[in-house]
Amino acid sequence: MEQEELRLPLQQEKVERPAEGNIAAGLVWGILISIPLWISVIGWIMGIWR
């Protein structure tokens, strides 16, 4: 019974922590990737207008 009680909180922590880490990592990577994309899109549009 002690082993089962110890396993349940560990599983919950392992499920919650990577989910938060993945969301944070996703936001960071999304921002890092979107900045060069926006710069390239703006440069491409400016190139067309000129």
PDB file of N, CA and C in Angstrom:
ATOM      1  N   MET A   1       0.848  -1.207   0.000  1.00  0.00           N
ATOM      2  CA  MET A   1       0.000   0.000   0.000  1.00  0.00           C
ATOM      3  C   MET A   1       0.882   1.256   0.000  1.00  0.00           C
ATOM      4  N   GLU A   2       2.005   1.226   0.677  1.00  0.00           N
ATOM      5  CA  GLU A   2       2.871   2.413   0.731  1.00  0.00           C
ATOM      6  C   GLU A   2       3.446   2.726  -0.649  1.00  0.00           C
ATOM      7  N   GLN A   3       3.812   1.691  -1.386  1.00  0.00           N
ATOM      8  CA  GLN A   3       4.384   1.925  -2.715  1.00  0.00           C
ATOM      9  C   GLN A   3       3.339   2.557  -3.641  1.00  0.00           C
ATOM     10  N   GLU A   4       2.103   2.085  -3.584  1.00  0.00           N
ATOM     11  CA  GLU A   4       1.059   2.640  -4.444  1.00  0.00           C
ATOM     12  C   GLU A   4       0.784   4.104  -4.085  1.00  0.00           C
ATOM     13  N   GLU A   5       0.800   4.418  -2.784  1.00  0.00           N
ATOM     14  CA  GLU A   5       0.558   5.800  -2.367  1.00  0.00           C
ATOM     15  C   GLU A   5       1.690   6.710  -2.829  1.00  0.00           C
ATOM     16  N   LEU A   6       2.919   6.200  -2.860  1.00  0.00           N
ATOM     17  CA  LEU A   6       4.046   7.010  -3.305  1.00  0.00           C
ATOM     18  C   LEU A   6       4.025   7.181  -4.824  1.00  0.00           C
ATOM     19  N   ARG A   7       3.548   6.199  -5.550  1.00  0.00           N
ATOM     20  CA  ARG A   7       3.572   6.267  -7.012  1.00  0.00           C
ATOM     21  C   ARG A   7       2.572   7.299  -7.543  1.00  0.00           C
ATOM     22  N   LEU A   8       1.402   7.420  -6.932  1.00  0.00           N
ATOM     23  CA  LEU A   8       0.377   8.310  -7.471  1.00  0.00           C
ATOM     24  C   LEU A   8       0.815   9.776  -7.484  1.00  0.00           C
ATOM     25  N   PRO A   9       1.347  10.351  -6.394  1.00  0.00           N
ATOM     26  CA  PRO A   9       1.778  11.758  -6.446  1.00  0.00           C
ATOM     27  C   PRO A   9       2.924  11.955  -7.439  1.00  0.00           C
ATOM     28  N   LEU A  10       3.821  10.997  -7.554  1.00  0.00           N
ATOM     29  CA  LEU A  10       4.940  11.135  -8.485  1.00  0.00           C
ATOM     30  C   LEU A  10       4.423  11.174  -9.921  1.00  0.00           C
ATOM     31  N   GLN A  11       3.429  10.362 -10.229  1.00  0.00           N
ATOM     32  CA  GLN A  11       2.870  10.359 -11.583  1.00  0.00           C
ATOM     33  C   GLN A  11       2.172  11.689 -11.861  1.00  0.00           C
ATOM     34  N   GLN A  12       1.456  12.212 -10.891  1.00  0.00           N
ATOM     35  CA  GLN A  12       0.767  13.485 -11.089  1.00  0.00           C
ATOM     36  C   GLN A  12       1.785  14.601 -11.318  1.00  0.00           C
ATOM     37  N   GLU A  13       2.878  14.615 -10.538  1.00  0.00           N
ATOM     38  CA  GLU A  13       3.901  15.652 -10.698  1.00  0.00           C
ATOM     39  C   GLU A  13       4.576  15.514 -12.047  1.00  0.00           C
ATOM     40  N   LYS A  14       4.854  14.299 -12.468  1.00  0.00           N
ATOM     41  CA  LYS A  14       5.517  14.093 -13.754  1.00  0.00           C
ATOM     42  C   LYS A  14       4.620  14.526 -14.905  1.00  0.00           C
ATOM     43  N   VAL A  15       3.315  14.382 -14.739  1.00  0.00           N
ATOM     44  CA  VAL A  15       2.389  14.786 -15.807  1.00  0.00           C
ATOM     45  C   VAL A  15       2.249  16.302 -15.828  1.00  0.00           C
ATOM     46  N   GLU A  16       2.186  16.945 -14.664  1.00  0.00           N
ATOM     47  CA  GLU A  16       1.948  18.385 -14.612  1.00  0.00           C
ATOM     48  C   GLU A  16       3.184  19.177 -15.026  1.00  0.00           C
ATOM     49  N   ARG A  17       4.350  18.807 -14.525  1.00  0.00           N
ATOM     50  CA  ARG A  17       5.546  19.613 -14.764  1.00  0.00           C
ATOM     51  C   ARG A  17       5.957  19.645 -16.234  1.00  0.00           C
ATOM     52  N   PRO A  18       6.005  18.512 -16.957  1.00  0.00           N
ATOM     53  CA  PRO A  18       6.354  18.593 -18.377  1.00  0.00           C
ATOM     54  C   PRO A  18       5.321  19.373 -19.185  1.00  0.00           C
ATOM     55  N   ALA A  19       4.059  19.312 -18.787  1.00  0.00           N
ATOM     56  CA  ALA A  19       3.021  20.056 -19.513  1.00  0.00           C
ATOM     57  C   ALA A  19       3.307  21.548 -19.398  1.00  0.00           C
ATOM     58  N   GLU A  20       3.630  22.026 -18.198  1.00  0.00           N
ATOM     59  CA  GLU A  20       3.947  23.443 -18.021  1.00  0.00           C
ATOM     60  C   GLU A  20       5.237  23.778 -18.758  1.00  0.00           C
ATOM     61  N   GLY A  21       6.213  22.903 -18.693  1.00  0.00           N
ATOM     62  CA  GLY A  21       7.477  23.135 -19.387  1.00  0.00           C
ATOM     63  C   GLY A  21       7.283  23.165 -20.888  1.00  0.00           C
ATOM     64  N   ASN A  22       6.419  22.283 -21.410  1.00  0.00           N
ATOM     65  CA  ASN A  22       6.179  22.257 -22.851  1.00  0.00           C
ATOM     66  C   ASN A  22       5.463  23.521 -23.308  1.00  0.00           C
ATOM     67  N   ILE A  23       4.542  24.011 -22.495  1.00  0.00           N
ATOM     68  CA  ILE A  23       3.825  25.246 -22.858  1.00  0.00           C
ATOM     69  C   ILE A  23       4.800  26.415 -22.867  1.00  0.00           C
ATOM     70  N   ALA A  24       5.619  26.511 -21.838  1.00  0.00           N
ATOM     71  CA  ALA A  24       6.593  27.607 -21.762  1.00  0.00           C
ATOM     72  C   ALA A  24       7.596  27.493 -22.903  1.00  0.00           C
ATOM     73  N   ALA A  25       8.091  26.296 -23.164  1.00  0.00           N
ATOM     74  CA  ALA A  25       9.051  26.104 -24.251  1.00  0.00           C
ATOM     75  C   ALA A  25       8.387  26.409 -25.589  1.00  0.00           C
ATOM     76  N   GLY A  26       7.137  26.031 -25.734  1.00  0.00           N
ATOM     77  CA  GLY A  26       6.414  26.310 -26.971  1.00  0.00           C
ATOM     78  C   GLY A  26       6.258  27.806 -27.202  1.00  0.00           C
ATOM     79  N   LEU A  27       5.956  28.546 -26.139  1.00  0.00           N
ATOM     80  CA  LEU A  27       5.820  29.999 -26.281  1.00  0.00           C
ATOM     81  C   LEU A  27       7.160  30.621 -26.641  1.00  0.00           C
ATOM     82  N   VAL A  28       8.233  30.180 -25.985  1.00  0.00           N
ATOM     83  CA  VAL A  28       9.563  30.741 -26.261  1.00  0.00           C
ATOM     84  C   VAL A  28       9.962  30.450 -27.695  1.00  0.00           C
ATOM     85  N   TRP A  29       9.828  29.190 -28.116  1.00  0.00           N
ATOM     86  CA  TRP A  29      10.193  28.834 -29.493  1.00  0.00           C
ATOM     87  C   TRP A  29       9.290  29.534 -30.488  1.00  0.00           C
ATOM     88  N   GLY A  30       8.010  29.666 -30.184  1.00  0.00           N
ATOM     89  CA  GLY A  30       7.094  30.357 -31.086  1.00  0.00           C
ATOM     90  C   GLY A  30       7.491  31.809 -31.275  1.00  0.00           C
ATOM     91  N   ILE A  31       7.889  32.469 -30.183  1.00  0.00           N
ATOM     92  CA  ILE A  31       8.314  33.878 -30.285  1.00  0.00           C
ATOM     93  C   ILE A  31       9.618  33.972 -31.067  1.00  0.00           C
ATOM     94  N   LEU A  32      10.569  33.095 -30.751  1.00  0.00           N
ATOM     95  CA  LEU A  32      11.867  33.138 -31.439  1.00  0.00           C
ATOM     96  C   LEU A  32      11.705  32.868 -32.929  1.00  0.00           C
ATOM     97  N   ILE A  33      10.807  31.958 -33.272  1.00  0.00           N
ATOM     98  CA  ILE A  33      10.615  31.621 -34.689  1.00  0.00           C
ATOM     99  C   ILE A  33       9.796  32.712 -35.389  1.00  0.00           C
ATOM    100  N   SER A  34       8.828  33.306 -34.705  1.00  0.00           N
ATOM    101  CA  SER A  34       7.928  34.259 -35.355  1.00  0.00           C
ATOM    102  C   SER A  34       8.617  35.587 -35.634  1.00  0.00           C
ATOM    103  N   ILE A  35       9.592  35.978 -34.807  1.00  0.00           N
ATOM    104  CA  ILE A  35      10.261  37.274 -35.023  1.00  0.00           C
ATOM    105  C   ILE A  35      10.958  37.311 -36.380  1.00  0.00           C
ATOM    106  N   PRO A  36      11.823  36.348 -36.728  1.00  0.00           N
ATOM    107  CA  PRO A  36      12.440  36.378 -38.064  1.00  0.00           C
ATOM    108  C   PRO A  36      11.410  36.242 -39.185  1.00  0.00           C
ATOM    109  N   LEU A  37      10.345  35.488 -38.948  1.00  0.00           N
ATOM    110  CA  LEU A  37       9.319  35.348 -39.979  1.00  0.00           C
ATOM    111  C   LEU A  37       8.646  36.688 -40.250  1.00  0.00           C
ATOM    112  N   TRP A  38       8.293  37.424 -39.187  1.00  0.00           N
ATOM    113  CA  TRP A  38       7.666  38.734 -39.372  1.00  0.00           C
ATOM    114  C   TRP A  38       8.621  39.696 -40.048  1.00  0.00           C
ATOM    115  N   ILE A  39       9.909  39.661 -39.668  1.00  0.00           N
ATOM    116  CA  ILE A  39      10.891  40.553 -40.303  1.00  0.00           C
ATOM    117  C   ILE A  39      10.990  40.230 -41.790  1.00  0.00           C
ATOM    118  N   SER A  40      11.032  38.944 -42.121  1.00  0.00           N
ATOM    119  CA  SER A  40      11.153  38.556 -43.530  1.00  0.00           C
ATOM    120  C   SER A  40       9.887  38.923 -44.297  1.00  0.00           C
ATOM    121  N   VAL A  41       8.716  38.777 -43.681  1.00  0.00           N
ATOM    122  CA  VAL A  41       7.458  39.141 -44.359  1.00  0.00           C
ATOM    123  C   VAL A  41       7.417  40.643 -44.599  1.00  0.00           C
ATOM    124  N   ILE A  42       7.793  41.426 -43.587  1.00  0.00           N
ATOM    125  CA  ILE A  42       7.788  42.894 -43.746  1.00  0.00           C
ATOM    126  C   ILE A  42       8.789  43.291 -44.828  1.00  0.00           C
ATOM    127  N   GLY A  43       9.976  42.696 -44.827  1.00  0.00           N
ATOM    128  CA  GLY A  43      10.970  43.000 -45.851  1.00  0.00           C
ATOM    129  C   GLY A  43      10.485  42.602 -47.235  1.00  0.00           C
ATOM    130  N   TRP A  44       9.789  41.475 -47.322  1.00  0.00           N
ATOM    131  CA  TRP A  44       9.270  41.015 -48.617  1.00  0.00           C
ATOM    132  C   TRP A  44       8.206  41.984 -49.137  1.00  0.00           C
ATOM    133  N   ILE A  45       7.317  42.440 -48.228  1.00  0.00           N
ATOM    134  CA  ILE A  45       6.267  43.391 -48.628  1.00  0.00           C
ATOM    135  C   ILE A  45       6.889  44.723 -49.046  1.00  0.00           C
ATOM    136  N   MET A  46       7.869  45.189 -48.286  1.00  0.00           N
ATOM    137  CA  MET A  46       8.536  46.447 -48.634  1.00  0.00           C
ATOM    138  C   MET A  46       9.249  46.326 -49.974  1.00  0.00           C
ATOM    139  N   GLY A  47       9.798  45.150 -50.261  1.00  0.00           N
ATOM    140  CA  GLY A  47      10.471  44.925 -51.542  1.00  0.00           C
ATOM    141  C   GLY A  47       9.503  44.981 -52.701  1.00  0.00           C
ATOM    142  N   ILE A  48       8.273  44.517 -52.488  1.00  0.00           N
ATOM    143  CA  ILE A  48       7.268  44.552 -53.559  1.00  0.00           C
ATOM    144  C   ILE A  48       6.826  45.981 -53.817  1.00  0.00           C
ATOM    145  N   TRP A  49       6.619  46.752 -52.744  1.00  0.00           N
ATOM    146  CA  TRP A  49       6.103  48.126 -52.899  1.00  0.00           C
ATOM    147  C   TRP A  49       7.133  49.032 -53.561  1.00  0.00           C
ATOM    148  N   ARG A  50       8.426  48.726 -53.400  1.00  0.00           N
ATOM    149  CA  ARG A  50       9.449  49.609 -53.987  1.00  0.00           C
ATOM    150  C   ARG A  50       9.599  49.355 -55.463  1.00  0.00           C
TER     151      ARG A  50
END
